[in-house]
């Protein structure tokens, strides 16, 4: 059962949120070109490096036709966009992306 949250509790909690960037990764025009598996592998390696550096807090590959993944970055939109320009999958047209400003609670994480 969920605990009730009062307006005062909600207002106090909302003051603790921080800005993040939400990345939406979609198939690009070259998603099915020859050699795509190697490019996707290097894209994944880069994501793990970004995670290790503390720049990509959450990344979730998605196996769907219209969506390939989501990620949450600790950086602003401009910095996150610059990082995405360097992604091998984006550079090769395998992926397209969108970046949005979002807010969340520092310290939140996925269950272990």
N, C-alpha and C. Protein backbone atom coordinates (compact mmCIF):
# COMPACT_ATOMS: atom_id res chain seq x y z
N UNK A 1 0.84 -1.18 0.00
CA UNK A 1 0.00 0.00 0.00
C UNK A 1 0.88 1.25 0.00
N UNK A 2 0.47 2.24 -0.74
CA UNK A 2 1.24 3.48 -0.81
C UNK A 2 0.95 4.36 0.39
N UNK A 3 2.01 5.04 0.86
CA UNK A 3 1.84 6.00 1.95
C UNK A 3 1.30 7.30 1.40
N UNK A 4 0.40 7.94 2.13
CA UNK A 4 -0.10 9.24 1.67
C UNK A 4 1.01 10.30 1.78
N UNK A 5 1.02 11.23 0.84
CA UNK A 5 1.97 12.35 0.84
C UNK A 5 1.16 13.63 0.98
N UNK A 6 1.49 14.41 1.98
CA UNK A 6 0.79 15.67 2.18
C UNK A 6 1.32 16.72 1.22
N UNK A 7 0.60 17.81 1.08
CA UNK A 7 1.07 18.93 0.24
C UNK A 7 2.38 19.48 0.77
N UNK A 8 2.53 19.60 2.08
CA UNK A 8 3.78 20.10 2.66
C UNK A 8 4.94 19.17 2.34
N UNK A 9 4.72 17.86 2.46
CA UNK A 9 5.77 16.90 2.12
C UNK A 9 6.13 16.98 0.64
N UNK A 10 5.11 17.09 -0.20
CA UNK A 10 5.35 17.17 -1.63
C UNK A 10 6.15 18.42 -1.98
N UNK A 11 5.76 19.57 -1.43
CA UNK A 11 6.48 20.81 -1.69
C UNK A 11 7.93 20.72 -1.23
N UNK A 12 8.16 20.12 -0.07
CA UNK A 12 9.53 19.98 0.45
C UNK A 12 10.35 19.06 -0.46
N UNK A 13 9.76 17.97 -0.90
CA UNK A 13 10.47 17.04 -1.79
C UNK A 13 10.79 17.67 -3.14
N UNK A 14 9.84 18.39 -3.71
CA UNK A 14 10.05 19.00 -5.02
C UNK A 14 11.19 20.00 -5.01
N UNK A 15 11.46 20.63 -3.87
CA UNK A 15 12.57 21.58 -3.76
C UNK A 15 13.93 20.88 -3.85
N UNK A 16 13.96 19.57 -3.67
CA UNK A 16 15.23 18.84 -3.71
C UNK A 16 15.58 18.30 -5.09
N UNK A 17 14.70 18.51 -6.08
CA UNK A 17 14.98 17.96 -7.40
C UNK A 17 16.13 18.70 -8.08
N UNK A 18 16.72 18.04 -9.05
CA UNK A 18 17.84 18.58 -9.81
C UNK A 18 17.54 18.39 -11.30
N UNK A 19 18.09 19.26 -12.13
CA UNK A 19 17.92 19.14 -13.57
C UNK A 19 18.85 18.07 -14.13
N UNK A 20 18.33 17.30 -15.06
CA UNK A 20 19.07 16.27 -15.78
C UNK A 20 18.67 16.38 -17.25
N UNK A 21 19.34 15.61 -18.08
CA UNK A 21 18.96 15.52 -19.49
C UNK A 21 18.48 14.10 -19.78
N UNK A 22 17.34 14.01 -20.42
CA UNK A 22 16.77 12.75 -20.84
C UNK A 22 17.05 12.57 -22.32
N UNK A 23 17.67 11.45 -22.68
CA UNK A 23 17.98 11.17 -24.08
C UNK A 23 17.06 10.06 -24.57
N UNK A 24 16.49 10.28 -25.73
CA UNK A 24 15.67 9.27 -26.40
C UNK A 24 16.43 8.85 -27.65
N UNK A 25 16.75 7.57 -27.75
CA UNK A 25 17.50 7.05 -28.88
C UNK A 25 16.55 6.27 -29.79
N UNK A 26 16.54 6.66 -31.07
CA UNK A 26 15.64 6.06 -32.05
C UNK A 26 16.45 5.51 -33.22
N UNK A 27 15.83 4.64 -34.02
CA UNK A 27 16.53 4.15 -35.20
C UNK A 27 16.83 5.30 -36.18
N UNK A 28 18.02 5.29 -36.72
CA UNK A 28 18.39 6.27 -37.74
C UNK A 28 18.21 5.69 -39.12
N UNK A 29 18.49 6.47 -40.15
CA UNK A 29 18.27 6.02 -41.52
C UNK A 29 19.17 4.85 -41.93
N UNK A 30 20.27 4.65 -41.22
CA UNK A 30 21.21 3.57 -41.55
C UNK A 30 21.12 2.41 -40.55
N UNK A 31 20.00 2.28 -39.87
CA UNK A 31 19.84 1.29 -38.80
C UNK A 31 20.09 -0.15 -39.27
N UNK A 32 19.84 -0.45 -40.52
CA UNK A 32 19.97 -1.83 -40.99
C UNK A 32 21.09 -2.00 -42.02
N UNK A 33 22.04 -1.07 -42.04
CA UNK A 33 23.13 -1.20 -43.02
C UNK A 33 24.09 -2.33 -42.61
N UNK A 34 24.89 -2.76 -43.56
CA UNK A 34 25.88 -3.80 -43.29
C UNK A 34 26.85 -3.31 -42.22
N UNK A 35 27.25 -4.22 -41.34
CA UNK A 35 28.22 -3.89 -40.30
C UNK A 35 27.65 -3.19 -39.09
N UNK A 36 26.33 -3.11 -38.99
CA UNK A 36 25.70 -2.35 -37.92
C UNK A 36 25.99 -2.94 -36.54
N UNK A 37 26.15 -4.26 -36.45
CA UNK A 37 26.40 -4.88 -35.14
C UNK A 37 27.68 -4.35 -34.49
N UNK A 38 28.72 -4.17 -35.28
CA UNK A 38 29.99 -3.64 -34.75
C UNK A 38 29.81 -2.20 -34.27
N UNK A 39 29.07 -1.41 -35.01
CA UNK A 39 28.82 -0.02 -34.62
C UNK A 39 28.02 0.03 -33.32
N UNK A 40 27.00 -0.81 -33.20
CA UNK A 40 26.19 -0.84 -31.98
C UNK A 40 27.03 -1.30 -30.79
N UNK A 41 27.93 -2.25 -31.02
CA UNK A 41 28.82 -2.71 -29.95
C UNK A 41 29.68 -1.55 -29.44
N UNK A 42 30.23 -0.76 -30.34
CA UNK A 42 31.06 0.38 -29.94
C UNK A 42 30.22 1.47 -29.27
N UNK A 43 28.99 1.63 -29.71
CA UNK A 43 28.05 2.55 -29.05
C UNK A 43 27.87 2.11 -27.59
N UNK A 44 27.67 0.81 -27.37
CA UNK A 44 27.51 0.29 -26.02
C UNK A 44 28.76 0.48 -25.18
N UNK A 45 29.92 0.25 -25.77
CA UNK A 45 31.18 0.45 -25.06
C UNK A 45 31.31 1.91 -24.61
N UNK A 46 30.94 2.82 -25.50
CA UNK A 46 31.01 4.25 -25.17
C UNK A 46 30.05 4.59 -24.04
N UNK A 47 28.85 4.01 -24.07
CA UNK A 47 27.90 4.24 -22.98
C UNK A 47 28.46 3.77 -21.64
N UNK A 48 29.13 2.63 -21.64
CA UNK A 48 29.74 2.14 -20.40
C UNK A 48 30.85 3.07 -19.93
N UNK A 49 31.60 3.65 -20.85
CA UNK A 49 32.64 4.63 -20.48
C UNK A 49 32.01 5.89 -19.90
N UNK A 50 30.92 6.35 -20.52
CA UNK A 50 30.22 7.53 -20.00
C UNK A 50 29.65 7.25 -18.60
N UNK A 51 29.15 6.04 -18.42
CA UNK A 51 28.63 5.63 -17.10
C UNK A 51 29.76 5.63 -16.08
N UNK A 52 30.90 5.05 -16.43
CA UNK A 52 32.04 4.98 -15.52
C UNK A 52 32.54 6.38 -15.15
N UNK A 53 32.42 7.32 -16.07
CA UNK A 53 32.86 8.70 -15.82
C UNK A 53 31.81 9.50 -15.05
N UNK A 54 30.66 8.90 -14.77
CA UNK A 54 29.61 9.60 -14.02
C UNK A 54 28.81 10.56 -14.86
N UNK A 55 28.89 10.46 -16.17
CA UNK A 55 28.17 11.39 -17.05
C UNK A 55 26.82 10.83 -17.51
N UNK A 56 26.71 9.53 -17.57
CA UNK A 56 25.47 8.89 -17.98
C UNK A 56 25.01 8.02 -16.81
N UNK A 57 24.06 8.54 -16.05
CA UNK A 57 23.64 7.87 -14.82
C UNK A 57 22.85 6.61 -15.09
N UNK A 58 21.98 6.67 -16.07
CA UNK A 58 21.13 5.53 -16.40
C UNK A 58 21.07 5.41 -17.91
N UNK A 59 21.28 4.21 -18.41
CA UNK A 59 21.00 3.97 -19.82
C UNK A 59 20.32 2.62 -19.93
N UNK A 60 19.30 2.60 -20.74
CA UNK A 60 18.46 1.41 -20.89
C UNK A 60 18.26 1.13 -22.38
N UNK A 61 18.92 0.11 -22.91
CA UNK A 61 18.61 -0.29 -24.28
C UNK A 61 17.15 -0.76 -24.35
N UNK A 62 16.51 -0.46 -25.45
CA UNK A 62 15.12 -0.85 -25.66
C UNK A 62 15.04 -1.60 -26.98
N UNK A 63 14.47 -2.79 -26.93
CA UNK A 63 14.33 -3.61 -28.15
C UNK A 63 12.94 -3.40 -28.74
N UNK A 64 12.79 -2.31 -29.47
CA UNK A 64 11.52 -2.00 -30.12
C UNK A 64 11.81 -1.38 -31.47
N UNK A 65 10.84 -1.43 -32.36
CA UNK A 65 11.05 -0.88 -33.70
C UNK A 65 11.24 0.64 -33.69
N UNK A 66 10.48 1.34 -32.86
CA UNK A 66 10.49 2.80 -32.88
C UNK A 66 11.38 3.43 -31.82
N UNK A 67 11.93 2.63 -30.91
CA UNK A 67 12.74 3.15 -29.80
C UNK A 67 13.89 2.21 -29.54
N UNK A 68 15.12 2.75 -29.48
CA UNK A 68 16.29 1.91 -29.23
C UNK A 68 16.87 2.08 -27.84
N UNK A 69 16.51 3.14 -27.13
CA UNK A 69 17.02 3.30 -25.78
C UNK A 69 16.66 4.63 -25.18
N UNK A 70 16.87 4.69 -23.85
CA UNK A 70 16.73 5.94 -23.12
C UNK A 70 17.94 6.09 -22.20
N UNK A 71 18.27 7.30 -21.87
CA UNK A 71 19.36 7.55 -20.95
C UNK A 71 19.11 8.82 -20.18
N UNK A 72 19.69 8.89 -18.99
CA UNK A 72 19.61 10.10 -18.18
C UNK A 72 21.03 10.53 -17.87
N UNK A 73 21.32 11.77 -18.24
CA UNK A 73 22.65 12.34 -18.07
C UNK A 73 22.65 13.37 -16.95
N UNK A 74 23.78 13.50 -16.28
CA UNK A 74 23.96 14.51 -15.24
C UNK A 74 24.26 15.88 -15.80
N UNK A 75 24.35 15.99 -17.11
CA UNK A 75 24.75 17.23 -17.76
C UNK A 75 23.54 17.99 -18.29
N UNK A 76 23.77 19.23 -18.68
CA UNK A 76 22.73 20.03 -19.32
C UNK A 76 22.49 19.57 -20.75
N UNK A 77 21.49 20.15 -21.36
CA UNK A 77 21.11 19.75 -22.71
C UNK A 77 22.24 19.98 -23.71
N UNK A 78 22.90 21.13 -23.66
CA UNK A 78 23.97 21.42 -24.62
C UNK A 78 25.12 20.43 -24.50
N UNK A 79 25.55 20.15 -23.26
CA UNK A 79 26.65 19.22 -23.05
C UNK A 79 26.26 17.81 -23.48
N UNK A 80 25.04 17.41 -23.16
CA UNK A 80 24.57 16.08 -23.54
C UNK A 80 24.49 15.96 -25.06
N UNK A 81 24.03 17.00 -25.72
CA UNK A 81 23.97 17.00 -27.18
C UNK A 81 25.37 16.85 -27.78
N UNK A 82 26.36 17.54 -27.21
CA UNK A 82 27.74 17.41 -27.69
C UNK A 82 28.24 15.98 -27.53
N UNK A 83 27.90 15.35 -26.41
CA UNK A 83 28.29 13.96 -26.20
C UNK A 83 27.65 13.07 -27.25
N UNK A 84 26.39 13.32 -27.54
CA UNK A 84 25.69 12.49 -28.52
C UNK A 84 26.27 12.65 -29.92
N UNK A 85 26.77 13.83 -30.26
CA UNK A 85 27.42 14.02 -31.57
C UNK A 85 28.60 13.08 -31.73
N UNK A 86 29.27 12.74 -30.63
CA UNK A 86 30.42 11.87 -30.69
C UNK A 86 30.10 10.39 -30.65
N UNK A 87 28.85 10.03 -30.52
CA UNK A 87 28.46 8.63 -30.45
C UNK A 87 28.66 7.96 -31.81
N UNK A 88 29.33 6.80 -31.86
CA UNK A 88 29.58 6.16 -33.14
C UNK A 88 28.29 5.78 -33.89
N UNK A 89 27.27 5.39 -33.17
CA UNK A 89 26.00 5.05 -33.83
C UNK A 89 25.31 6.25 -34.42
N UNK A 90 25.41 7.39 -33.76
CA UNK A 90 24.83 8.63 -34.27
C UNK A 90 25.62 9.11 -35.48
N UNK A 91 26.95 9.08 -35.36
CA UNK A 91 27.80 9.52 -36.48
C UNK A 91 27.56 8.71 -37.74
N UNK A 92 27.28 7.42 -37.58
CA UNK A 92 27.08 6.52 -38.73
C UNK A 92 25.62 6.47 -39.20
N UNK A 93 24.73 7.22 -38.55
CA UNK A 93 23.33 7.23 -38.95
C UNK A 93 22.53 6.03 -38.49
N UNK A 94 23.13 5.20 -37.63
CA UNK A 94 22.43 4.03 -37.10
C UNK A 94 21.35 4.47 -36.10
N UNK A 95 21.67 5.54 -35.37
CA UNK A 95 20.74 6.08 -34.38
C UNK A 95 20.47 7.55 -34.64
N UNK A 96 19.28 7.97 -34.28
CA UNK A 96 18.92 9.39 -34.18
C UNK A 96 18.56 9.60 -32.71
N UNK A 97 18.55 10.83 -32.26
CA UNK A 97 18.26 11.05 -30.84
C UNK A 97 17.55 12.38 -30.62
N UNK A 98 16.97 12.47 -29.46
CA UNK A 98 16.38 13.72 -28.97
C UNK A 98 16.84 13.88 -27.52
N UNK A 99 17.03 15.12 -27.09
CA UNK A 99 17.44 15.40 -25.71
C UNK A 99 16.44 16.38 -25.11
N UNK A 100 16.00 16.08 -23.89
CA UNK A 100 15.02 16.90 -23.19
C UNK A 100 15.51 17.20 -21.77
N UNK A 101 15.16 18.36 -21.28
CA UNK A 101 15.41 18.69 -19.88
C UNK A 101 14.39 17.95 -19.03
N UNK A 102 14.85 17.35 -17.95
CA UNK A 102 13.93 16.71 -17.01
C UNK A 102 14.43 16.98 -15.59
N UNK A 103 13.63 16.64 -14.61
CA UNK A 103 14.00 16.82 -13.22
C UNK A 103 13.77 15.51 -12.48
N UNK A 104 14.63 15.26 -11.50
CA UNK A 104 14.45 14.08 -10.66
C UNK A 104 15.13 14.32 -9.32
N UNK A 105 15.08 13.32 -8.48
CA UNK A 105 15.65 13.41 -7.15
C UNK A 105 17.04 12.82 -7.14
N UNK A 106 18.06 13.63 -6.79
CA UNK A 106 19.42 13.09 -6.70
C UNK A 106 19.45 11.89 -5.77
N UNK A 107 20.18 10.86 -6.21
CA UNK A 107 20.29 9.65 -5.41
C UNK A 107 19.30 8.57 -5.78
N UNK A 108 18.26 8.92 -6.55
CA UNK A 108 17.35 7.88 -7.01
C UNK A 108 18.11 6.89 -7.88
N UNK A 109 17.70 5.66 -7.85
CA UNK A 109 18.36 4.65 -8.65
C UNK A 109 17.39 3.52 -8.95
N UNK A 110 17.81 2.65 -9.85
CA UNK A 110 17.02 1.48 -10.16
C UNK A 110 17.24 0.44 -9.05
N UNK A 111 16.23 -0.34 -8.74
CA UNK A 111 16.41 -1.37 -7.69
C UNK A 111 17.51 -2.36 -8.10
N UNK A 112 18.25 -2.84 -7.13
CA UNK A 112 19.34 -3.79 -7.38
C UNK A 112 18.86 -5.20 -7.55
